[in-house]
Amino acid sequence: MNEFLKLFENFQTERVVAWLQTMQISDLIHNPYFLGGVAAVSIFAFFMKWRFFLAICLGLSGFAYLISYTLQKGTQLDGLSNPTLLVFVGGGAVIIGLVIYLMFIKSE
């Protein structure tokens, strides 16, 4: 029983917040535990038909990946166009479109 309580001591709010502050977006989006957790929560929300919660999970994780990708590639505007910036704008439009569809358009 003590080991069980010690396990849950790791999930105290102060420790979780400190861990999240040390994590960078690029590290978090490539962490398999984070990706597995987001996938599990998204699948659960999909089967329970919680569209609002599913939209939030997909939107936040999608934007986290999009920001990580954009910052990794760089967004310098050397010429008239930058492919990375176009991917950011296009990906953001797709994610926002998906969130709007899940929250407002899709019906049961």
PDB file of N, CA and C in Angstrom:
ATOM      1  N   MET A   1       0.825  -1.195   0.000  1.00  0.00           N
ATOM      2  CA  MET A   1       0.000   0.000   0.000  1.00  0.00           C
ATOM      3  C   MET A   1       0.868   1.257   0.000  1.00  0.00           C
ATOM      4  N   ASN A   2       2.008   1.214   0.691  1.00  0.00           N
ATOM      5  CA  ASN A   2       2.909   2.367   0.717  1.00  0.00           C
ATOM      6  C   ASN A   2       3.465   2.669  -0.671  1.00  0.00           C
ATOM      7  N   GLU A   3       3.783   1.630  -1.420  1.00  0.00           N
ATOM      8  CA  GLU A   3       4.301   1.839  -2.770  1.00  0.00           C
ATOM      9  C   GLU A   3       3.245   2.478  -3.661  1.00  0.00           C
ATOM     10  N   PHE A   4       1.998   2.084  -3.459  1.00  0.00           N
ATOM     11  CA  PHE A   4       0.904   2.655  -4.225  1.00  0.00           C
ATOM     12  C   PHE A   4       0.748   4.144  -3.914  1.00  0.00           C
ATOM     13  N   LEU A   5       0.868   4.516  -2.649  1.00  0.00           N
ATOM     14  CA  LEU A   5       0.770   5.926  -2.256  1.00  0.00           C
ATOM     15  C   LEU A   5       1.980   6.719  -2.747  1.00  0.00           C
ATOM     16  N   LYS A   6       3.163   6.105  -2.738  1.00  0.00           N
ATOM     17  CA  LYS A   6       4.353   6.784  -3.247  1.00  0.00           C
ATOM     18  C   LYS A   6       4.244   7.041  -4.747  1.00  0.00           C
ATOM     19  N   LEU A   7       3.604   6.134  -5.461  1.00  0.00           N
ATOM     20  CA  LEU A   7       3.397   6.330  -6.890  1.00  0.00           C
ATOM     21  C   LEU A   7       2.535   7.562  -7.139  1.00  0.00           C
ATOM     22  N   PHE A   8       1.487   7.732  -6.363  1.00  0.00           N
ATOM     23  CA  PHE A   8       0.604   8.879  -6.551  1.00  0.00           C
ATOM     24  C   PHE A   8       1.191  10.181  -6.017  1.00  0.00           C
ATOM     25  N   GLU A   9       2.228  10.106  -5.191  1.00  0.00           N
ATOM     26  CA  GLU A   9       2.902  11.323  -4.749  1.00  0.00           C
ATOM     27  C   GLU A   9       3.597  12.017  -5.916  1.00  0.00           C
ATOM     28  N   ASN A  10       3.954  11.262  -6.952  1.00  0.00           N
ATOM     29  CA  ASN A  10       4.571  11.855  -8.141  1.00  0.00           C
ATOM     30  C   ASN A  10       3.593  12.723  -8.916  1.00  0.00           C
ATOM     31  N   PHE A  11       2.315  12.541  -8.695  1.00  0.00           N
ATOM     32  CA  PHE A  11       1.302  13.296  -9.427  1.00  0.00           C
ATOM     33  C   PHE A  11       0.758  14.485  -8.642  1.00  0.00           C
ATOM     34  N   GLN A  12       1.511  14.947  -7.644  1.00  0.00           N
ATOM     35  CA  GLN A  12       1.123  16.169  -6.949  1.00  0.00           C
ATOM     36  C   GLN A  12       1.213  17.333  -7.917  1.00  0.00           C
ATOM     37  N   THR A  13       0.355  18.314  -7.720  1.00  0.00           N
ATOM     38  CA  THR A  13       0.247  19.426  -8.660  1.00  0.00           C
ATOM     39  C   THR A  13       1.574  20.142  -8.842  1.00  0.00           C
ATOM     40  N   GLU A  14       2.305  20.378  -7.765  1.00  0.00           N
ATOM     41  CA  GLU A  14       3.570  21.092  -7.863  1.00  0.00           C
ATOM     42  C   GLU A  14       4.575  20.320  -8.717  1.00  0.00           C
ATOM     43  N   ARG A  15       4.626  19.018  -8.536  1.00  0.00           N
ATOM     44  CA  ARG A  15       5.581  18.203  -9.309  1.00  0.00           C
ATOM     45  C   ARG A  15       5.190  18.136 -10.779  1.00  0.00           C
ATOM     46  N   VAL A  16       3.902  18.014 -11.061  1.00  0.00           N
ATOM     47  CA  VAL A  16       3.450  17.954 -12.453  1.00  0.00           C
ATOM     48  C   VAL A  16       3.718  19.278 -13.156  1.00  0.00           C
ATOM     49  N   VAL A  17       3.428  20.397 -12.482  1.00  0.00           N
ATOM     50  CA  VAL A  17       3.669  21.712 -13.077  1.00  0.00           C
ATOM     51  C   VAL A  17       5.164  21.936 -13.293  1.00  0.00           C
ATOM     52  N   ALA A  18       5.981  21.539 -12.337  1.00  0.00           N
ATOM     53  CA  ALA A  18       7.441  21.682 -12.502  1.00  0.00           C
ATOM     54  C   ALA A  18       7.940  20.831 -13.670  1.00  0.00           C
ATOM     55  N   TRP A  19       7.410  19.624 -13.827  1.00  0.00           N
ATOM     56  CA  TRP A  19       7.811  18.772 -14.937  1.00  0.00           C
ATOM     57  C   TRP A  19       7.389  19.379 -16.266  1.00  0.00           C
ATOM     58  N   LEU A  20       6.176  19.922 -16.338  1.00  0.00           N
ATOM     59  CA  LEU A  20       5.703  20.532 -17.575  1.00  0.00           C
ATOM     60  C   LEU A  20       6.496  21.784 -17.928  1.00  0.00           C
ATOM     61  N   GLN A  21       6.968  22.522 -16.937  1.00  0.00           N
ATOM     62  CA  GLN A  21       7.752  23.717 -17.208  1.00  0.00           C
ATOM     63  C   GLN A  21       9.136  23.365 -17.751  1.00  0.00           C
ATOM     64  N   THR A  22       9.668  22.218 -17.360  1.00  0.00           N
ATOM     65  CA  THR A  22      10.976  21.822 -17.863  1.00  0.00           C
ATOM     66  C   THR A  22      10.895  21.237 -19.267  1.00  0.00           C
ATOM     67  N   MET A  23       9.720  20.762 -19.647  1.00  0.00           N
ATOM     68  CA  MET A  23       9.552  20.171 -20.977  1.00  0.00           C
ATOM     69  C   MET A  23       9.409  21.273 -22.017  1.00  0.00           C
ATOM     70  N   GLN A  24      10.008  21.076 -23.150  1.00  0.00           N
ATOM     71  CA  GLN A  24       9.839  21.957 -24.295  1.00  0.00           C
ATOM     72  C   GLN A  24       8.782  21.345 -25.204  1.00  0.00           C
ATOM     73  N   ILE A  25       8.142  22.163 -26.036  1.00  0.00           N
ATOM     74  CA  ILE A  25       7.108  21.654 -26.931  1.00  0.00           C
ATOM     75  C   ILE A  25       7.689  20.603 -27.863  1.00  0.00           C
ATOM     76  N   SER A  26       8.888  20.848 -28.369  1.00  0.00           N
ATOM     77  CA  SER A  26       9.489  19.890 -29.297  1.00  0.00           C
ATOM     78  C   SER A  26       9.798  18.562 -28.615  1.00  0.00           C
ATOM     79  N   ASP A  27      10.169  18.596 -27.335  1.00  0.00           N
ATOM     80  CA  ASP A  27      10.409  17.355 -26.603  1.00  0.00           C
ATOM     81  C   ASP A  27       9.098  16.643 -26.305  1.00  0.00           C
ATOM     82  N   LEU A  28       8.088  17.408 -25.946  1.00  0.00           N
ATOM     83  CA  LEU A  28       6.818  16.819 -25.547  1.00  0.00           C
ATOM     84  C   LEU A  28       6.110  16.164 -26.724  1.00  0.00           C
ATOM     85  N   ILE A  29       6.154  16.772 -27.889  1.00  0.00           N
ATOM     86  CA  ILE A  29       5.427  16.240 -29.035  1.00  0.00           C
ATOM     87  C   ILE A  29       6.098  14.984 -29.585  1.00  0.00           C
ATOM     88  N   HIS A  30       7.367  14.745 -29.251  1.00  0.00           N
ATOM     89  CA  HIS A  30       8.056  13.531 -29.690  1.00  0.00           C
ATOM     90  C   HIS A  30       8.163  12.490 -28.586  1.00  0.00           C
ATOM     91  N   ASN A  31       7.563  12.761 -27.433  1.00  0.00           N
ATOM     92  CA  ASN A  31       7.571  11.830 -26.319  1.00  0.00           C
ATOM     93  C   ASN A  31       6.507  10.759 -26.570  1.00  0.00           C
ATOM     94  N   PRO A  32       6.890   9.472 -26.612  1.00  0.00           N
ATOM     95  CA  PRO A  32       5.902   8.426 -26.918  1.00  0.00           C
ATOM     96  C   PRO A  32       4.813   8.303 -25.854  1.00  0.00           C
ATOM     97  N   TYR A  33       5.117   8.611 -24.610  1.00  0.00           N
ATOM     98  CA  TYR A  33       4.097   8.546 -23.569  1.00  0.00           C
ATOM     99  C   TYR A  33       3.042   9.641 -23.765  1.00  0.00           C
ATOM    100  N   PHE A  34       3.492  10.826 -24.148  1.00  0.00           N
ATOM    101  CA  PHE A  34       2.557  11.911 -24.424  1.00  0.00           C
ATOM    102  C   PHE A  34       1.683  11.570 -25.625  1.00  0.00           C
ATOM    103  N   LEU A  35       2.301  11.072 -26.692  1.00  0.00           N
ATOM    104  CA  LEU A  35       1.540  10.714 -27.888  1.00  0.00           C
ATOM    105  C   LEU A  35       0.562   9.583 -27.608  1.00  0.00           C
ATOM    106  N   GLY A  36       0.991   8.602 -26.833  1.00  0.00           N
ATOM    107  CA  GLY A  36       0.096   7.504 -26.462  1.00  0.00           C
ATOM    108  C   GLY A  36      -1.061   7.983 -25.600  1.00  0.00           C
ATOM    109  N   GLY A  37      -0.764   8.894 -24.679  1.00  0.00           N
ATOM    110  CA  GLY A  37      -1.819   9.447 -23.831  1.00  0.00           C
ATOM    111  C   GLY A  37      -2.833  10.245 -24.623  1.00  0.00           C
ATOM    112  N   VAL A  38      -2.350  11.060 -25.546  1.00  0.00           N
ATOM    113  CA  VAL A  38      -3.260  11.854 -26.380  1.00  0.00           C
ATOM    114  C   VAL A  38      -4.092  10.932 -27.262  1.00  0.00           C
ATOM    115  N   ALA A  39      -3.467   9.900 -27.813  1.00  0.00           N
ATOM    116  CA  ALA A  39      -4.196   8.955 -28.657  1.00  0.00           C
ATOM    117  C   ALA A  39      -5.256   8.214 -27.851  1.00  0.00           C
ATOM    118  N   ALA A  40      -4.913   7.771 -26.644  1.00  0.00           N
ATOM    119  CA  ALA A  40      -5.874   7.050 -25.805  1.00  0.00           C
ATOM    120  C   ALA A  40      -7.044   7.946 -25.415  1.00  0.00           C
ATOM    121  N   VAL A  41      -6.750   9.176 -25.028  1.00  0.00           N
ATOM    122  CA  VAL A  41      -7.817  10.110 -24.647  1.00  0.00           C
ATOM    123  C   VAL A  41      -8.688  10.436 -25.859  1.00  0.00           C
ATOM    124  N   SER A  42      -8.074  10.610 -27.021  1.00  0.00           N
ATOM    125  CA  SER A  42      -8.839  10.918 -28.229  1.00  0.00           C
ATOM    126  C   SER A  42      -9.736   9.752 -28.637  1.00  0.00           C
ATOM    127  N   ILE A  43      -9.215   8.539 -28.572  1.00  0.00           N
ATOM    128  CA  ILE A  43     -10.035   7.363 -28.913  1.00  0.00           C
ATOM    129  C   ILE A  43     -11.180   7.205 -27.931  1.00  0.00           C
ATOM    130  N   PHE A  44     -10.893   7.414 -26.658  1.00  0.00           N
ATOM    131  CA  PHE A  44     -11.944   7.334 -25.637  1.00  0.00           C
ATOM    132  C   PHE A  44     -13.020   8.386 -25.890  1.00  0.00           C
ATOM    133  N   ALA A  45     -12.607   9.603 -26.178  1.00  0.00           N
ATOM    134  CA  ALA A  45     -13.567  10.675 -26.450  1.00  0.00           C
ATOM    135  C   ALA A  45     -14.362  10.391 -27.723  1.00  0.00           C
ATOM    136  N   PHE A  46     -13.724   9.777 -28.723  1.00  0.00           N
ATOM    137  CA  PHE A  46     -14.422   9.446 -29.961  1.00  0.00           C
ATOM    138  C   PHE A  46     -15.518   8.414 -29.713  1.00  0.00           C
ATOM    139  N   PHE A  47     -15.188   7.359 -28.966  1.00  0.00           N
ATOM    140  CA  PHE A  47     -16.177   6.315 -28.718  1.00  0.00           C
ATOM    141  C   PHE A  47     -17.274   6.757 -27.750  1.00  0.00           C
ATOM    142  N   MET A  48     -16.960   7.686 -26.861  1.00  0.00           N
ATOM    143  CA  MET A  48     -17.984   8.210 -25.946  1.00  0.00           C
ATOM    144  C   MET A  48     -18.789   9.340 -26.587  1.00  0.00           C
ATOM    145  N   LYS A  49     -18.410   9.727 -27.808  1.00  0.00           N
ATOM    146  CA  LYS A  49     -19.066  10.784 -28.579  1.00  0.00           C
ATOM    147  C   LYS A  49     -19.016  12.136 -27.857  1.00  0.00           C
ATOM    148  N   TRP A  50     -17.864  12.402 -27.261  1.00  0.00           N
ATOM    149  CA  TRP A  50     -17.613  13.688 -26.640  1.00  0.00           C
ATOM    150  C   TRP A  50     -16.889  14.550 -27.665  1.00  0.00           C
ATOM    151  N   ARG A  51     -17.641  15.143 -28.564  1.00  0.00           N
ATOM    152  CA  ARG A  51     -17.043  15.877 -29.690  1.00  0.00           C
ATOM    153  C   ARG A  51     -16.245  17.090 -29.222  1.00  0.00           C
ATOM    154  N   PHE A  52     -16.746  17.817 -28.234  1.00  0.00           N
ATOM    155  CA  PHE A  52     -16.048  19.010 -27.757  1.00  0.00           C
ATOM    156  C   PHE A  52     -14.676  18.642 -27.190  1.00  0.00           C
ATOM    157  N   PHE A  53     -14.629  17.596 -26.383  1.00  0.00           N
ATOM    158  CA  PHE A  53     -13.375  17.155 -25.769  1.00  0.00           C
ATOM    159  C   PHE A  53     -12.422  16.607 -26.831  1.00  0.00           C
ATOM    160  N   LEU A  54     -12.953  15.887 -27.802  1.00  0.00           N
ATOM    161  CA  LEU A  54     -12.142  15.371 -28.900  1.00  0.00           C
ATOM    162  C   LEU A  54     -11.554  16.507 -29.719  1.00  0.00           C
ATOM    163  N   ALA A  55     -12.356  17.527 -29.981  1.00  0.00           N
ATOM    164  CA  ALA A  55     -11.867  18.681 -30.744  1.00  0.00           C
ATOM    165  C   ALA A  55     -10.752  19.396 -29.999  1.00  0.00           C
ATOM    166  N   ILE A  56     -10.888  19.539 -28.698  1.00  0.00           N
ATOM    167  CA  ILE A  56      -9.845  20.196 -27.903  1.00  0.00           C
ATOM    168  C   ILE A  56      -8.556  19.373 -27.929  1.00  0.00           C
ATOM    169  N   CYS A  57      -8.657  18.059 -27.743  1.00  0.00           N
ATOM    170  CA  CYS A  57      -7.463  17.201 -27.757  1.00  0.00           C
ATOM    171  C   CYS A  57      -6.760  17.246 -29.102  1.00  0.00           C
ATOM    172  N   LEU A  58      -7.522  17.100 -30.174  1.00  0.00           N
ATOM    173  CA  LEU A  58      -6.914  17.109 -31.500  1.00  0.00           C
ATOM    174  C   LEU A  58      -6.363  18.486 -31.857  1.00  0.00           C
ATOM    175  N   GLY A  59      -7.070  19.530 -31.475  1.00  0.00           N
ATOM    176  CA  GLY A  59      -6.611  20.880 -31.773  1.00  0.00           C
ATOM    177  C   GLY A  59      -5.322  21.232 -31.043  1.00  0.00           C
ATOM    178  N   LEU A  60      -5.277  20.949 -29.766  1.00  0.00           N
ATOM    179  CA  LEU A  60      -4.077  21.274 -28.984  1.00  0.00           C
ATOM    180  C   LEU A  60      -2.874  20.450 -29.422  1.00  0.00           C
ATOM    181  N   SER A  61      -3.061  19.154 -29.609  1.00  0.00           N
ATOM    182  CA  SER A  61      -1.919  18.334 -30.025  1.00  0.00           C
ATOM    183  C   SER A  61      -1.502  18.662 -31.457  1.00  0.00           C
ATOM    184  N   GLY A  62      -2.454  18.986 -32.309  1.00  0.00           N
ATOM    185  CA  GLY A  62      -2.110  19.374 -33.680  1.00  0.00           C
ATOM    186  C   GLY A  62      -1.329  20.667 -33.729  1.00  0.00           C
ATOM    187  N   PHE A  63      -1.766  21.657 -32.960  1.00  0.00           N
ATOM    188  CA  PHE A  63      -1.032  22.916 -32.940  1.00  0.00           C
ATOM    189  C   PHE A  63       0.325  22.771 -32.265  1.00  0.00           C
ATOM    190  N   ALA A  64       0.430  21.916 -31.258  1.00  0.00           N
ATOM    191  CA  ALA A  64       1.734  21.680 -30.634  1.00  0.00           C
ATOM    192  C   ALA A  64       2.704  21.087 -31.642  1.00  0.00           C
ATOM    193  N   TYR A  65       2.233  20.114 -32.437  1.00  0.00           N
ATOM    194  CA  TYR A  65       3.101  19.534 -33.468  1.00  0.00           C
ATOM    195  C   TYR A  65       3.438  20.560 -34.540  1.00  0.00           C
ATOM    196  N   LEU A  66       2.453  21.343 -34.945  1.00  0.00           N
ATOM    197  CA  LEU A  66       2.671  22.337 -35.994  1.00  0.00           C
ATOM    198  C   LEU A  66       3.676  23.399 -35.562  1.00  0.00           C
ATOM    199  N   ILE A  67       3.576  23.854 -34.337  1.00  0.00           N
ATOM    200  CA  ILE A  67       4.530  24.840 -33.820  1.00  0.00           C
ATOM    201  C   ILE A  67       5.918  24.226 -33.700  1.00  0.00           C
ATOM    202  N   SER A  68       5.995  22.991 -33.222  1.00  0.00           N
ATOM    203  CA  SER A  68       7.280  22.307 -33.109  1.00  0.00           C
ATOM    204  C   SER A  68       7.930  22.155 -34.481  1.00  0.00           C
ATOM    205  N   TYR A  69       7.158  21.754 -35.470  1.00  0.00           N
ATOM    206  CA  TYR A  69       7.681  21.586 -36.831  1.00  0.00           C
ATOM    207  C   TYR A  69       8.157  22.920 -37.396  1.00  0.00           C
ATOM    208  N   THR A  70       7.358  23.954 -37.198  1.00  0.00           N
ATOM    209  CA  THR A  70       7.699  25.264 -37.752  1.00  0.00           C
ATOM    210  C   THR A  70       8.948  25.834 -37.099  1.00  0.00           C
ATOM    211  N   LEU A  71       9.059  25.738 -35.791  1.00  0.00           N
ATOM    212  CA  LEU A  71      10.237  26.257 -35.107  1.00  0.00           C
ATOM    213  C   LEU A  71      11.490  25.461 -35.451  1.00  0.00           C
ATOM    214  N   GLN A  72      11.327  24.173 -35.703  1.00  0.00           N
ATOM    215  CA  GLN A  72      12.470  23.342 -36.063  1.00  0.00           C
ATOM    216  C   GLN A  72      13.004  23.694 -37.453  1.00  0.00           C
ATOM    217  N   LYS A  73      12.115  23.972 -38.387  1.00  0.00           N
ATOM    218  CA  LYS A  73      12.528  24.284 -39.755  1.00  0.00           C
ATOM    219  C   LYS A  73      12.927  25.748 -39.934  1.00  0.00           C
ATOM    220  N   GLY A  74      12.373  26.634 -39.129  1.00  0.00           N
ATOM    221  CA  GLY A  74      12.682  28.054 -39.243  1.00  0.00           C
ATOM    222  C   GLY A  74      11.677  28.769 -40.126  1.00  0.00           C
ATOM    223  N   THR A  75      11.451  30.044 -39.825  1.00  0.00           N
ATOM    224  CA  THR A  75      10.462  30.824 -40.574  1.00  0.00           C
ATOM    225  C   THR A  75      11.057  32.135 -41.074  1.00  0.00           C
ATOM    226  N   GLN A  76      12.304  32.111 -41.527  1.00  0.00           N
ATOM    227  CA  GLN A  76      12.912  33.320 -42.051  1.00  0.00           C
ATOM    228  C   GLN A  76      12.271  33.647 -43.397  1.00  0.00           C
ATOM    229  N   LEU A  77      11.946  34.900 -43.598  1.00  0.00           N
ATOM    230  CA  LEU A  77      11.352  35.345 -44.856  1.00  0.00           C
ATOM    231  C   LEU A  77      12.451  35.927 -45.740  1.00  0.00           C
ATOM    232  N   ASP A  78      13.199  35.052 -46.400  1.00  0.00           N
ATOM    233  CA  ASP A  78      14.274  35.501 -47.274  1.00  0.00           C
ATOM    234  C   ASP A  78      13.735  36.017 -48.604  1.00  0.00           C
ATOM    235  N   GLY A  79      12.762  35.350 -49.146  1.00  0.00           N
ATOM    236  CA  GLY A  79      12.203  35.739 -50.432  1.00  0.00           C
ATOM    237  C   GLY A  79      10.729  36.072 -50.294  1.00  0.00           C
ATOM    238  N   LEU A  80      10.027  35.874 -51.379  1.00  0.00           N
ATOM    239  CA  LEU A  80       8.599  36.175 -51.375  1.00  0.00           C
ATOM    240  C   LEU A  80       7.783  35.108 -50.667  1.00  0.00           C
ATOM    241  N   SER A  81       8.283  33.888 -50.623  1.00  0.00           N
ATOM    242  CA  SER A  81       7.540  32.821 -49.952  1.00  0.00           C
ATOM    243  C   SER A  81       8.496  31.926 -49.184  1.00  0.00           C
ATOM    244  N   ASN A  82       7.964  31.300 -48.176  1.00  0.00           N
ATOM    245  CA  ASN A  82       8.715  30.360 -47.364  1.00  0.00           C
ATOM    246  C   ASN A  82       7.857  29.109 -47.230  1.00  0.00           C
ATOM    247  N   PRO A  83       8.329  27.943 -47.690  1.00  0.00           N
ATOM    248  CA  PRO A  83       7.504  26.741 -47.625  1.00  0.00           C
ATOM    249  C   PRO A  83       7.100  26.360 -46.209  1.00  0.00           C
ATOM    250  N   THR A  84       7.970  26.590 -45.234  1.00  0.00           N
ATOM    251  CA  THR A  84       7.642  26.239 -43.856  1.00  0.00           C
ATOM    252  C   THR A  84       6.512  27.116 -43.335  1.00  0.00           C
ATOM    253  N   LEU A  85       6.557  28.395 -43.674  1.00  0.00           N
ATOM    254  CA  LEU A  85       5.491  29.289 -43.245  1.00  0.00           C
ATOM    255  C   LEU A  85       4.174  28.938 -43.928  1.00  0.00           C
ATOM    256  N   LEU A  86       4.245  28.503 -45.179  1.00  0.00           N
ATOM    257  CA  LEU A  86       3.038  28.067 -45.873  1.00  0.00           C
ATOM    258  C   LEU A  86       2.461  26.803 -45.249  1.00  0.00           C
ATOM    259  N   VAL A  87       3.330  25.885 -44.814  1.00  0.00           N
ATOM    260  CA  VAL A  87       2.869  24.680 -44.117  1.00  0.00           C
ATOM    261  C   VAL A  87       2.200  25.076 -42.803  1.00  0.00           C
ATOM    262  N   PHE A  88       2.766  26.059 -42.091  1.00  0.00           N
ATOM    263  CA  PHE A  88       2.179  26.508 -40.837  1.00  0.00           C
ATOM    264  C   PHE A  88       0.791  27.099 -41.068  1.00  0.00           C
ATOM    265  N   VAL A  89       0.656  27.956 -42.061  1.00  0.00           N
ATOM    266  CA  VAL A  89      -0.635  28.590 -42.334  1.00  0.00           C
ATOM    267  C   VAL A  89      -1.643  27.549 -42.819  1.00  0.00           C
ATOM    268  N   GLY A  90      -1.229  26.683 -43.758  1.00  0.00           N
ATOM    269  CA  GLY A  90      -2.132  25.658 -44.266  1.00  0.00           C
ATOM    270  C   GLY A  90      -2.522  24.640 -43.212  1.00  0.00           C
ATOM    271  N   GLY A  91      -1.551  24.197 -42.422  1.00  0.00           N
ATOM    272  CA  GLY A  91      -1.840  23.249 -41.344  1.00  0.00           C
ATOM    273  C   GLY A  91      -2.735  23.849 -40.285  1.00  0.00           C
ATOM    274  N   GLY A  92      -2.494  25.118 -39.958  1.00  0.00           N
ATOM    275  CA  GLY A  92      -3.363  25.793 -38.996  1.00  0.00           C
ATOM    276  C   GLY A  92      -4.786  25.911 -39.503  1.00  0.00           C
ATOM    277  N   ALA A  93      -4.945  26.184 -40.792  1.00  0.00           N
ATOM    278  CA  ALA A  93      -6.288  26.277 -41.372  1.00  0.00           C
ATOM    279  C   ALA A  93      -6.997  24.922 -41.331  1.00  0.00           C
ATOM    280  N   VAL A  94      -6.255  23.846 -41.610  1.00  0.00           N
ATOM    281  CA  VAL A  94      -6.851  22.510 -41.558  1.00  0.00           C
ATOM    282  C   VAL A  94      -7.260  22.151 -40.134  1.00  0.00           C
ATOM    283  N   ILE A  95      -6.399  22.442 -39.169  1.00  0.00           N
ATOM    284  CA  ILE A  95      -6.716  22.125 -37.768  1.00  0.00           C
ATOM    285  C   ILE A  95      -7.916  22.932 -37.298  1.00  0.00           C
ATOM    286  N   ILE A  96      -7.949  24.215 -37.611  1.00  0.00           N
ATOM    287  CA  ILE A  96      -9.088  25.044 -37.206  1.00  0.00           C
ATOM    288  C   ILE A  96     -10.361  24.564 -37.894  1.00  0.00           C
ATOM    289  N   GLY A  97     -10.259  24.184 -39.173  1.00  0.00           N
ATOM    290  CA  GLY A  97     -11.421  23.649 -39.872  1.00  0.00           C
ATOM    291  C   GLY A  97     -11.933  22.373 -39.226  1.00  0.00           C
ATOM    292  N   LEU A  98     -11.022  21.476 -38.816  1.00  0.00           N
ATOM    293  CA  LEU A  98     -11.414  20.243 -38.142  1.00  0.00           C
ATOM    294  C   LEU A  98     -12.089  20.532 -36.805  1.00  0.00           C
ATOM    295  N   VAL A  99     -11.536  21.459 -36.041  1.00  0.00           N
ATOM    296  CA  VAL A  99     -12.129  21.804 -34.745  1.00  0.00           C
ATOM    297  C   VAL A  99     -13.518  22.420 -34.939  1.00  0.00           C
ATOM    298  N   ILE A 100     -13.666  23.321 -35.898  1.00  0.00           N
ATOM    299  CA  ILE A 100     -14.980  23.922 -36.157  1.00  0.00           C
ATOM    300  C   ILE A 100     -15.968  22.850 -36.599  1.00  0.00           C
ATOM    301  N   TYR A 101     -15.529  21.919 -37.452  1.00  0.00           N
ATOM    302  CA  TYR A 101     -16.410  20.852 -37.901  1.00  0.00           C
ATOM    303  C   TYR A 101     -16.873  19.992 -36.722  1.00  0.00           C
ATOM    304  N   LEU A 102     -15.934  19.585 -35.872  1.00  0.00           N
ATOM    305  CA  LEU A 102     -16.290  18.724 -34.743  1.00  0.00           C
ATOM    306  C   LEU A 102     -17.172  19.434 -33.729  1.00  0.00           C
ATOM    307  N   MET A 103     -16.948  20.722 -33.524  1.00  0.00           N
ATOM    308  CA  MET A 103     -17.678  21.425 -32.481  1.00  0.00           C
ATOM    309  C   MET A 103     -19.040  21.949 -32.932  1.00  0.00           C
ATOM    310  N   PHE A 104     -19.150  22.393 -34.182  1.00  0.00           N
ATOM    311  CA  PHE A 104     -20.358  23.106 -34.565  1.00  0.00           C
ATOM    312  C   PHE A 104     -21.148  22.456 -35.704  1.00  0.00           C
ATOM    313  N   ILE A 105     -20.491  21.757 -36.603  1.00  0.00           N
ATOM    314  CA  ILE A 105     -21.178  21.280 -37.795  1.00  0.00           C
ATOM    315  C   ILE A 105     -21.649  19.845 -37.642  1.00  0.00           C
ATOM    316  N   LYS A 106     -20.788  18.957 -37.172  1.00  0.00           N
ATOM    317  CA  LYS A 106     -21.121  17.536 -37.090  1.00  0.00           C
ATOM    318  C   LYS A 106     -22.259  17.329 -36.091  1.00  0.00           C
ATOM    319  N   SER A 107     -23.234  16.569 -36.518  1.00  0.00           N
ATOM    320  CA  SER A 107     -24.337  16.248 -35.612  1.00  0.00           C
ATOM    321  C   SER A 107     -24.279  14.764 -35.280  1.00  0.00           C
ATOM    322  N   GLU A 108     -24.989  14.380 -34.282  1.00  0.00           N
ATOM    323  CA  GLU A 108     -25.012  12.982 -33.861  1.00  0.00           C
ATOM    324  C   GLU A 108     -25.632  12.206 -34.963  1.00  0.00           C
TER     325      GLU A 108
END
